């Protein structure tokens, strides 16, 4: 199930809305707009690109066919957060201007190269990985243990940051709002 963005006055927000046709809208992840804020395109907030006055809010919504239980709502929202977290880990890491795809296989390849470099004082170097820059495939060669270490630590920091953002999103969900 996919969430979509919603926008309105802060006091219009309701956690769950019965549409009276067997469908329910479940709203979550409400963000109140403080002061006049610009809502940017391609964010999880509504992408108007315009300044929005205080008193408004953004939130995300899901439509259910049939009345969902609080546990169904929690599971669905957590599934959405987990998918977004995985996407962010894999697709949003940038290093020295390169887009680095961090799927599980690449994460293991980077870890193995780093572990071998540490264990052998860099005898496996140089090592080359495929990255993207400006939509084109590029190959980057690591010649030193120090540079490979800086890269690998940046990868781990990115993963940890994405996981923490997902955990925080889950922590903000108050399932009591849906009872």
N, C-alpha and C. Protein backbone atom coordinates (compact mmCIF):
# COMPACT_ATOMS: atom_id res chain seq x y z
N UNK A 1 0.86 -1.17 0.00
CA UNK A 1 0.00 0.00 0.00
C UNK A 1 0.90 1.23 0.00
N UNK A 2 0.52 2.22 -0.75
CA UNK A 2 1.33 3.42 -0.89
C UNK A 2 0.66 4.60 -0.20
N UNK A 3 1.48 5.39 0.47
CA UNK A 3 0.99 6.60 1.12
C UNK A 3 1.05 7.76 0.14
N UNK A 4 0.14 8.72 0.30
CA UNK A 4 0.19 9.92 -0.52
C UNK A 4 0.19 11.13 0.40
N UNK A 5 0.68 12.25 -0.12
CA UNK A 5 0.78 13.47 0.67
C UNK A 5 -0.55 14.18 0.75
N UNK A 6 -0.76 14.84 1.88
CA UNK A 6 -1.96 15.61 2.10
C UNK A 6 -1.57 16.93 2.73
N UNK A 7 -2.44 17.91 2.63
CA UNK A 7 -2.14 19.24 3.12
C UNK A 7 -3.44 19.90 3.54
N UNK A 8 -3.39 20.66 4.62
CA UNK A 8 -4.58 21.38 5.05
C UNK A 8 -4.31 22.18 6.31
N UNK A 9 -5.37 22.71 6.85
CA UNK A 9 -5.27 23.43 8.11
C UNK A 9 -4.96 22.43 9.23
N UNK A 10 -4.16 22.85 10.18
CA UNK A 10 -3.75 21.96 11.28
C UNK A 10 -4.94 21.34 11.98
N UNK A 11 -6.00 22.14 12.18
CA UNK A 11 -7.15 21.62 12.92
C UNK A 11 -8.05 20.71 12.06
N UNK A 12 -7.77 20.57 10.76
CA UNK A 12 -8.53 19.66 9.91
C UNK A 12 -8.02 18.22 9.99
N UNK A 13 -6.84 18.07 10.53
CA UNK A 13 -6.21 16.74 10.59
C UNK A 13 -7.02 15.82 11.50
N UNK A 14 -7.33 14.63 10.99
CA UNK A 14 -7.95 13.56 11.77
C UNK A 14 -7.18 12.29 11.50
N UNK A 15 -6.85 11.50 12.52
CA UNK A 15 -6.08 10.28 12.29
C UNK A 15 -6.79 9.28 11.36
N UNK A 16 -8.10 9.17 11.51
CA UNK A 16 -8.83 8.23 10.66
C UNK A 16 -10.16 8.85 10.26
N UNK A 17 -10.52 8.67 8.99
CA UNK A 17 -11.76 9.26 8.47
C UNK A 17 -12.56 8.16 7.78
N UNK A 18 -13.81 8.00 8.19
CA UNK A 18 -14.73 7.06 7.57
C UNK A 18 -15.38 7.75 6.38
N UNK A 19 -15.14 7.24 5.19
CA UNK A 19 -15.71 7.86 3.98
C UNK A 19 -17.14 7.38 3.70
N UNK A 20 -17.67 6.53 4.55
CA UNK A 20 -19.04 6.03 4.46
C UNK A 20 -19.32 5.18 3.22
N UNK A 21 -18.32 4.76 2.51
CA UNK A 21 -18.52 3.89 1.36
C UNK A 21 -17.69 2.61 1.52
N UNK A 22 -17.37 2.29 2.78
CA UNK A 22 -16.56 1.12 3.07
C UNK A 22 -15.07 1.41 3.00
N UNK A 23 -14.72 2.67 2.72
CA UNK A 23 -13.31 3.04 2.66
C UNK A 23 -12.99 3.98 3.82
N UNK A 24 -11.74 3.89 4.25
CA UNK A 24 -11.26 4.72 5.35
C UNK A 24 -9.94 5.36 4.94
N UNK A 25 -9.80 6.62 5.30
CA UNK A 25 -8.51 7.29 5.11
C UNK A 25 -7.81 7.30 6.46
N UNK A 26 -6.60 6.79 6.47
CA UNK A 26 -5.77 6.81 7.66
C UNK A 26 -4.66 7.82 7.42
N UNK A 27 -4.55 8.80 8.31
CA UNK A 27 -3.55 9.86 8.19
C UNK A 27 -2.47 9.66 9.25
N UNK A 28 -1.25 10.00 8.90
CA UNK A 28 -0.13 9.87 9.84
C UNK A 28 0.99 10.80 9.44
N UNK A 29 1.99 10.91 10.28
CA UNK A 29 3.19 11.71 10.02
C UNK A 29 2.85 13.17 9.81
N UNK A 30 2.03 13.72 10.70
CA UNK A 30 1.63 15.12 10.61
C UNK A 30 2.80 16.03 10.98
N UNK A 31 3.00 17.07 10.15
CA UNK A 31 4.02 18.08 10.42
C UNK A 31 3.34 19.44 10.38
N UNK A 32 3.31 20.11 11.54
CA UNK A 32 2.74 21.46 11.59
C UNK A 32 3.72 22.44 10.97
N UNK A 33 3.19 23.39 10.24
CA UNK A 33 4.03 24.40 9.61
C UNK A 33 4.15 25.56 10.59
N UNK A 34 5.38 25.79 11.00
CA UNK A 34 5.67 26.86 11.95
C UNK A 34 6.26 28.03 11.18
N UNK A 35 5.79 29.23 11.49
CA UNK A 35 6.18 30.41 10.74
C UNK A 35 5.83 30.17 9.26
N UNK A 36 6.25 31.02 8.42
CA UNK A 36 6.00 30.81 7.00
C UNK A 36 7.11 29.93 6.46
N UNK A 37 6.75 28.74 6.01
CA UNK A 37 7.74 27.79 5.52
C UNK A 37 7.49 27.50 4.06
N UNK A 38 8.56 27.24 3.38
CA UNK A 38 8.46 26.84 1.98
C UNK A 38 8.40 25.33 1.93
N UNK A 39 7.44 24.80 1.20
CA UNK A 39 7.30 23.36 1.06
C UNK A 39 7.95 22.98 -0.26
N UNK A 40 9.00 22.18 -0.18
CA UNK A 40 9.81 21.89 -1.36
C UNK A 40 9.25 20.72 -2.14
N UNK A 41 9.49 20.75 -3.43
CA UNK A 41 9.11 19.66 -4.31
C UNK A 41 9.94 18.43 -3.97
N UNK A 42 9.37 17.28 -4.26
CA UNK A 42 10.04 15.99 -4.08
C UNK A 42 10.39 15.69 -2.63
N UNK A 43 9.70 16.29 -1.70
CA UNK A 43 9.88 15.92 -0.31
C UNK A 43 8.68 15.08 0.09
N UNK A 44 8.71 14.56 1.31
CA UNK A 44 7.53 13.82 1.73
C UNK A 44 6.41 14.78 2.08
N UNK A 45 6.73 16.06 2.12
CA UNK A 45 5.70 17.06 2.30
C UNK A 45 5.11 17.39 0.94
N UNK A 46 4.00 18.01 0.92
CA UNK A 46 3.35 18.36 -0.34
C UNK A 46 4.26 19.30 -1.11
N UNK A 47 4.51 19.00 -2.35
CA UNK A 47 5.48 19.74 -3.15
C UNK A 47 4.90 20.92 -3.88
N UNK A 48 4.55 21.97 -3.18
CA UNK A 48 4.02 23.16 -3.84
C UNK A 48 5.12 24.09 -4.29
N UNK A 49 6.25 24.05 -3.56
CA UNK A 49 7.33 24.97 -3.86
C UNK A 49 7.00 26.41 -3.48
N UNK A 50 5.89 26.62 -2.77
CA UNK A 50 5.46 27.96 -2.37
C UNK A 50 5.52 28.10 -0.86
N UNK A 51 5.55 29.35 -0.42
CA UNK A 51 5.48 29.59 1.02
C UNK A 51 4.06 29.32 1.50
N UNK A 52 3.97 28.69 2.66
CA UNK A 52 2.68 28.34 3.21
C UNK A 52 2.58 28.97 4.59
N UNK A 53 1.48 29.64 4.90
CA UNK A 53 1.39 30.33 6.19
C UNK A 53 1.22 29.37 7.37
N UNK A 54 1.63 29.87 8.52
CA UNK A 54 1.45 29.14 9.78
C UNK A 54 -0.02 28.77 9.94
N UNK A 55 -0.25 27.65 10.64
CA UNK A 55 -1.61 27.17 10.87
C UNK A 55 -1.97 26.03 9.94
N UNK A 56 -1.12 25.77 8.97
CA UNK A 56 -1.31 24.65 8.08
C UNK A 56 -0.42 23.49 8.51
N UNK A 57 -0.65 22.35 7.89
CA UNK A 57 0.15 21.17 8.20
C UNK A 57 0.18 20.27 6.98
N UNK A 58 1.14 19.40 6.97
CA UNK A 58 1.18 18.34 5.98
C UNK A 58 1.10 17.01 6.72
N UNK A 59 0.61 16.02 6.03
CA UNK A 59 0.59 14.68 6.60
C UNK A 59 0.49 13.69 5.45
N UNK A 60 0.64 12.44 5.78
CA UNK A 60 0.54 11.41 4.75
C UNK A 60 -0.72 10.60 5.01
N UNK A 61 -1.26 10.04 3.95
CA UNK A 61 -2.54 9.34 4.03
C UNK A 61 -2.48 8.01 3.29
N UNK A 62 -3.29 7.08 3.77
CA UNK A 62 -3.46 5.77 3.14
C UNK A 62 -4.96 5.51 3.07
N UNK A 63 -5.41 4.92 1.99
CA UNK A 63 -6.82 4.53 1.89
C UNK A 63 -6.94 3.03 2.11
N UNK A 64 -7.81 2.65 3.02
CA UNK A 64 -8.11 1.25 3.30
C UNK A 64 -9.50 0.93 2.78
N UNK A 65 -9.66 -0.25 2.21
CA UNK A 65 -10.98 -0.75 1.85
C UNK A 65 -11.40 -1.64 3.00
N UNK A 66 -12.38 -1.21 3.75
CA UNK A 66 -12.79 -1.90 4.97
C UNK A 66 -12.15 -1.23 6.17
N UNK A 67 -12.80 -1.38 7.31
CA UNK A 67 -12.31 -0.71 8.52
C UNK A 67 -11.05 -1.41 9.04
N UNK A 68 -9.95 -0.69 9.11
CA UNK A 68 -8.71 -1.31 9.58
C UNK A 68 -8.65 -1.33 11.11
N UNK A 69 -8.02 -2.36 11.63
CA UNK A 69 -7.76 -2.42 13.07
C UNK A 69 -6.53 -1.58 13.37
N UNK A 70 -6.35 -1.16 14.61
CA UNK A 70 -5.13 -0.42 14.95
C UNK A 70 -3.85 -1.20 14.58
N UNK A 71 -3.87 -2.51 14.76
CA UNK A 71 -2.69 -3.32 14.42
C UNK A 71 -2.45 -3.31 12.90
N UNK A 72 -3.51 -3.38 12.09
CA UNK A 72 -3.36 -3.30 10.64
C UNK A 72 -2.76 -1.95 10.24
N UNK A 73 -3.24 -0.91 10.88
CA UNK A 73 -2.74 0.44 10.59
C UNK A 73 -1.25 0.52 10.94
N UNK A 74 -0.90 0.04 12.13
CA UNK A 74 0.51 0.08 12.55
C UNK A 74 1.39 -0.73 11.59
N UNK A 75 0.96 -1.93 11.25
CA UNK A 75 1.75 -2.78 10.35
C UNK A 75 1.92 -2.12 8.98
N UNK A 76 0.85 -1.53 8.46
CA UNK A 76 0.91 -0.88 7.15
C UNK A 76 1.86 0.32 7.18
N UNK A 77 1.72 1.16 8.19
CA UNK A 77 2.60 2.33 8.30
C UNK A 77 4.05 1.90 8.50
N UNK A 78 4.28 0.89 9.31
CA UNK A 78 5.65 0.40 9.52
C UNK A 78 6.22 -0.21 8.23
N UNK A 79 5.38 -0.89 7.46
CA UNK A 79 5.84 -1.42 6.17
C UNK A 79 6.26 -0.29 5.23
N UNK A 80 5.48 0.78 5.21
CA UNK A 80 5.81 1.94 4.38
C UNK A 80 7.13 2.56 4.85
N UNK A 81 7.28 2.74 6.15
CA UNK A 81 8.51 3.32 6.70
C UNK A 81 9.70 2.41 6.39
N UNK A 82 9.53 1.11 6.55
CA UNK A 82 10.63 0.18 6.24
C UNK A 82 11.04 0.25 4.78
N UNK A 83 10.06 0.31 3.88
CA UNK A 83 10.37 0.40 2.44
C UNK A 83 11.08 1.71 2.12
N UNK A 84 10.63 2.80 2.73
CA UNK A 84 11.28 4.09 2.50
C UNK A 84 12.70 4.11 3.06
N UNK A 85 12.89 3.48 4.21
CA UNK A 85 14.22 3.40 4.82
C UNK A 85 15.16 2.61 3.91
N UNK A 86 14.71 1.47 3.42
CA UNK A 86 15.52 0.67 2.50
C UNK A 86 15.86 1.45 1.24
N UNK A 87 14.87 2.12 0.70
CA UNK A 87 15.10 2.94 -0.50
C UNK A 87 16.16 4.00 -0.22
N UNK A 88 16.02 4.70 0.90
CA UNK A 88 16.97 5.76 1.23
C UNK A 88 18.38 5.23 1.43
N UNK A 89 18.50 4.08 2.09
CA UNK A 89 19.82 3.48 2.26
C UNK A 89 20.44 3.19 0.90
N UNK A 90 19.69 2.57 0.03
CA UNK A 90 20.23 2.11 -1.25
C UNK A 90 20.46 3.23 -2.27
N UNK A 91 19.66 4.27 -2.22
CA UNK A 91 19.63 5.21 -3.35
C UNK A 91 19.98 6.66 -3.05
N UNK A 92 20.30 7.01 -1.81
CA UNK A 92 20.52 8.44 -1.53
C UNK A 92 21.94 8.75 -1.05
N UNK A 93 22.83 7.78 -1.07
CA UNK A 93 24.20 8.04 -0.61
C UNK A 93 25.02 8.71 -1.72
N UNK A 94 25.67 9.80 -1.36
CA UNK A 94 26.56 10.52 -2.26
C UNK A 94 27.94 10.59 -1.61
N UNK A 95 28.96 10.39 -2.44
CA UNK A 95 30.33 10.46 -1.94
C UNK A 95 31.20 11.10 -3.01
N UNK A 96 31.82 12.23 -2.65
CA UNK A 96 32.68 12.97 -3.58
C UNK A 96 32.00 13.24 -4.92
N UNK A 97 30.71 13.57 -4.86
CA UNK A 97 29.97 13.88 -6.08
C UNK A 97 29.41 12.68 -6.83
N UNK A 98 29.69 11.49 -6.34
CA UNK A 98 29.20 10.27 -6.98
C UNK A 98 27.94 9.77 -6.28
N UNK A 99 27.03 9.20 -7.06
CA UNK A 99 25.89 8.47 -6.51
C UNK A 99 26.35 7.03 -6.32
N UNK A 100 26.19 6.55 -5.10
CA UNK A 100 26.67 5.20 -4.78
C UNK A 100 25.46 4.35 -4.41
N UNK A 101 25.20 3.31 -5.18
CA UNK A 101 24.08 2.41 -4.92
C UNK A 101 24.49 1.43 -3.83
N UNK A 102 23.74 1.42 -2.74
CA UNK A 102 24.09 0.60 -1.58
C UNK A 102 23.13 -0.56 -1.37
N UNK A 103 22.91 -1.37 -2.41
CA UNK A 103 22.14 -2.59 -2.18
C UNK A 103 22.99 -3.52 -1.32
N UNK A 104 22.40 -4.61 -0.87
CA UNK A 104 23.10 -5.53 0.05
C UNK A 104 24.40 -6.06 -0.56
N UNK A 105 24.36 -6.38 -1.86
CA UNK A 105 25.56 -6.93 -2.51
C UNK A 105 26.70 -5.91 -2.51
N UNK A 106 26.39 -4.67 -2.87
CA UNK A 106 27.43 -3.63 -2.86
C UNK A 106 27.94 -3.37 -1.46
N UNK A 107 27.04 -3.35 -0.47
CA UNK A 107 27.49 -3.16 0.91
C UNK A 107 28.50 -4.23 1.30
N UNK A 108 28.23 -5.47 0.93
CA UNK A 108 29.16 -6.56 1.25
C UNK A 108 30.46 -6.42 0.47
N UNK A 109 30.38 -6.02 -0.79
CA UNK A 109 31.60 -5.82 -1.57
C UNK A 109 32.49 -4.74 -0.95
N UNK A 110 31.88 -3.64 -0.51
CA UNK A 110 32.65 -2.56 0.11
C UNK A 110 33.26 -3.03 1.44
N UNK A 111 32.47 -3.76 2.21
CA UNK A 111 32.97 -4.27 3.49
C UNK A 111 34.13 -5.25 3.28
N UNK A 112 33.97 -6.16 2.34
CA UNK A 112 35.03 -7.14 2.08
C UNK A 112 36.32 -6.46 1.64
N UNK A 113 36.22 -5.50 0.73
CA UNK A 113 37.41 -4.78 0.27
C UNK A 113 38.08 -4.05 1.43
N UNK A 114 37.26 -3.42 2.28
CA UNK A 114 37.80 -2.70 3.43
C UNK A 114 38.46 -3.65 4.42
N UNK A 115 37.78 -4.75 4.75
CA UNK A 115 38.33 -5.73 5.70
C UNK A 115 39.65 -6.31 5.20
N UNK A 116 39.71 -6.65 3.91
CA UNK A 116 40.94 -7.21 3.34
C UNK A 116 42.06 -6.16 3.36
N UNK A 117 41.71 -4.92 3.02
CA UNK A 117 42.71 -3.85 3.03
C UNK A 117 43.29 -3.67 4.43
N UNK A 118 42.44 -3.71 5.45
CA UNK A 118 42.94 -3.57 6.83
C UNK A 118 43.79 -4.76 7.23
N UNK A 119 43.34 -5.95 6.88
CA UNK A 119 44.05 -7.17 7.30
C UNK A 119 45.38 -7.36 6.59
N UNK A 120 45.52 -6.78 5.40
CA UNK A 120 46.74 -7.02 4.60
C UNK A 120 47.54 -5.75 4.38
N UNK A 121 47.28 -4.73 5.18
CA UNK A 121 47.96 -3.44 5.01
C UNK A 121 47.86 -2.92 3.58
N UNK A 122 46.71 -3.16 2.96
CA UNK A 122 46.44 -2.60 1.64
C UNK A 122 46.98 -3.38 0.47
N UNK A 123 47.37 -4.64 0.66
CA UNK A 123 47.94 -5.39 -0.46
C UNK A 123 46.90 -5.70 -1.55
N UNK A 124 45.60 -5.56 -1.24
CA UNK A 124 44.56 -5.76 -2.25
C UNK A 124 44.30 -4.49 -3.07
N UNK A 125 44.97 -3.41 -2.71
CA UNK A 125 44.76 -2.14 -3.40
C UNK A 125 45.73 -2.01 -4.58
N UNK A 126 45.34 -1.35 -5.61
CA UNK A 126 44.11 -0.58 -5.75
C UNK A 126 42.89 -1.47 -5.98
N UNK A 127 41.73 -0.96 -5.57
CA UNK A 127 40.46 -1.63 -5.80
C UNK A 127 39.53 -0.61 -6.46
N UNK A 128 38.75 -1.06 -7.43
CA UNK A 128 37.90 -0.17 -8.22
C UNK A 128 36.44 -0.56 -8.06
N UNK A 129 35.59 0.48 -7.89
CA UNK A 129 34.14 0.27 -7.79
C UNK A 129 33.44 1.12 -8.83
N UNK A 130 32.25 0.69 -9.20
CA UNK A 130 31.44 1.41 -10.18
C UNK A 130 30.46 2.32 -9.44
N UNK A 131 30.53 3.62 -9.72
CA UNK A 131 29.62 4.61 -9.17
C UNK A 131 28.97 5.35 -10.34
N UNK A 132 28.06 6.26 -10.03
CA UNK A 132 27.43 7.09 -11.06
C UNK A 132 27.70 8.56 -10.76
N UNK A 133 27.83 9.32 -11.82
CA UNK A 133 27.98 10.76 -11.69
C UNK A 133 27.27 11.39 -12.87
N UNK A 134 26.35 12.29 -12.58
CA UNK A 134 25.57 12.97 -13.62
C UNK A 134 24.89 11.96 -14.54
N UNK A 135 24.41 10.87 -13.96
CA UNK A 135 23.67 9.87 -14.72
C UNK A 135 24.53 8.94 -15.56
N UNK A 136 25.84 9.05 -15.44
CA UNK A 136 26.74 8.21 -16.22
C UNK A 136 27.55 7.31 -15.30
N UNK A 137 27.84 6.10 -15.77
CA UNK A 137 28.65 5.17 -15.01
C UNK A 137 30.10 5.64 -14.99
N UNK A 138 30.69 5.63 -13.81
CA UNK A 138 32.09 5.99 -13.62
C UNK A 138 32.74 4.93 -12.75
N UNK A 139 34.01 4.76 -12.92
CA UNK A 139 34.77 3.83 -12.09
C UNK A 139 35.70 4.64 -11.20
N UNK A 140 35.67 4.30 -9.91
CA UNK A 140 36.51 5.01 -8.96
C UNK A 140 37.49 4.02 -8.36
N UNK A 141 38.75 4.39 -8.35
CA UNK A 141 39.79 3.51 -7.83
C UNK A 141 40.31 4.04 -6.50
N UNK A 142 40.31 3.16 -5.52
CA UNK A 142 40.88 3.47 -4.20
C UNK A 142 42.31 2.95 -4.18
N UNK A 143 43.24 3.85 -3.95
CA UNK A 143 44.66 3.49 -3.95
C UNK A 143 45.24 3.34 -2.55
N UNK A 144 44.55 3.88 -1.55
CA UNK A 144 45.10 3.84 -0.19
C UNK A 144 44.08 3.30 0.80
N UNK A 145 44.58 2.72 1.86
CA UNK A 145 43.73 2.22 2.94
C UNK A 145 42.97 3.39 3.56
N UNK A 146 43.62 4.53 3.70
CA UNK A 146 42.99 5.71 4.33
C UNK A 146 41.77 6.17 3.54
N UNK A 147 41.92 6.22 2.22
CA UNK A 147 40.79 6.67 1.40
C UNK A 147 39.66 5.64 1.43
N UNK A 148 39.98 4.36 1.35
CA UNK A 148 38.96 3.32 1.42
C UNK A 148 38.27 3.33 2.77
N UNK A 149 39.04 3.58 3.82
CA UNK A 149 38.47 3.67 5.18
C UNK A 149 37.50 4.85 5.27
N UNK A 150 37.89 6.01 4.74
CA UNK A 150 37.01 7.18 4.77
C UNK A 150 35.70 6.89 4.03
N UNK A 151 35.81 6.22 2.88
CA UNK A 151 34.62 5.85 2.12
C UNK A 151 33.75 4.89 2.93
N UNK A 152 34.35 3.84 3.46
CA UNK A 152 33.57 2.82 4.16
C UNK A 152 32.91 3.39 5.43
N UNK A 153 33.60 4.26 6.14
CA UNK A 153 33.00 4.89 7.31
C UNK A 153 31.85 5.81 6.91
N UNK A 154 31.97 6.50 5.78
CA UNK A 154 30.88 7.34 5.28
C UNK A 154 29.66 6.49 4.91
N UNK A 155 29.90 5.32 4.30
CA UNK A 155 28.81 4.40 3.98
C UNK A 155 28.08 4.01 5.25
N UNK A 156 28.84 3.62 6.27
CA UNK A 156 28.22 3.20 7.53
C UNK A 156 27.48 4.33 8.22
N UNK A 157 28.02 5.53 8.16
CA UNK A 157 27.33 6.68 8.75
C UNK A 157 26.01 6.94 8.04
N UNK A 158 26.01 6.83 6.71
CA UNK A 158 24.79 7.01 5.92
C UNK A 158 23.73 5.97 6.31
N UNK A 159 24.13 4.71 6.38
CA UNK A 159 23.19 3.64 6.73
C UNK A 159 22.61 3.88 8.11
N UNK A 160 23.46 4.21 9.07
CA UNK A 160 23.02 4.47 10.44
C UNK A 160 22.04 5.64 10.49
N UNK A 161 22.33 6.69 9.74
CA UNK A 161 21.45 7.86 9.70
C UNK A 161 20.08 7.51 9.12
N UNK A 162 20.06 6.71 8.05
CA UNK A 162 18.78 6.30 7.46
C UNK A 162 17.98 5.42 8.41
N UNK A 163 18.66 4.50 9.07
CA UNK A 163 17.98 3.64 10.05
C UNK A 163 17.40 4.46 11.19
N UNK A 164 18.17 5.41 11.70
CA UNK A 164 17.70 6.25 12.80
C UNK A 164 16.47 7.06 12.39
N UNK A 165 16.47 7.58 11.17
CA UNK A 165 15.30 8.33 10.68
C UNK A 165 14.07 7.42 10.62
N UNK A 166 14.24 6.18 10.20
CA UNK A 166 13.13 5.23 10.18
C UNK A 166 12.64 4.90 11.57
N UNK A 167 13.57 4.69 12.50
CA UNK A 167 13.17 4.41 13.89
C UNK A 167 12.40 5.59 14.48
N UNK A 168 12.89 6.81 14.21
CA UNK A 168 12.21 7.99 14.73
C UNK A 168 10.80 8.12 14.15
N UNK A 169 10.64 7.81 12.87
CA UNK A 169 9.32 7.87 12.25
C UNK A 169 8.37 6.87 12.91
N UNK A 170 8.87 5.68 13.21
CA UNK A 170 8.04 4.68 13.89
C UNK A 170 7.70 5.12 15.30
N UNK A 171 8.66 5.73 15.98
CA UNK A 171 8.43 6.19 17.36
C UNK A 171 7.38 7.29 17.43
N UNK A 172 7.25 8.09 16.37
CA UNK A 172 6.25 9.17 16.36
C UNK A 172 4.82 8.65 16.22
N UNK A 173 4.65 7.43 15.77
CA UNK A 173 3.31 6.88 15.59
C UNK A 173 2.70 6.53 16.94
N UNK A 174 1.56 7.13 17.22
CA UNK A 174 0.81 6.81 18.45
C UNK A 174 -0.42 6.00 18.04
N UNK A 175 -0.33 4.70 18.24
CA UNK A 175 -1.39 3.80 17.80
C UNK A 175 -2.72 4.08 18.52
N UNK A 176 -2.66 4.73 19.67
CA UNK A 176 -3.88 5.10 20.40
C UNK A 176 -4.76 6.07 19.60
N UNK A 177 -4.15 6.80 18.66
CA UNK A 177 -4.93 7.72 17.82
C UNK A 177 -5.91 6.98 16.91
N UNK A 178 -5.71 5.68 16.73
CA UNK A 178 -6.51 4.92 15.76
C UNK A 178 -7.47 3.95 16.44
N UNK A 179 -7.66 4.07 17.74
CA UNK A 179 -8.58 3.18 18.45
C UNK A 179 -9.96 3.76 18.50
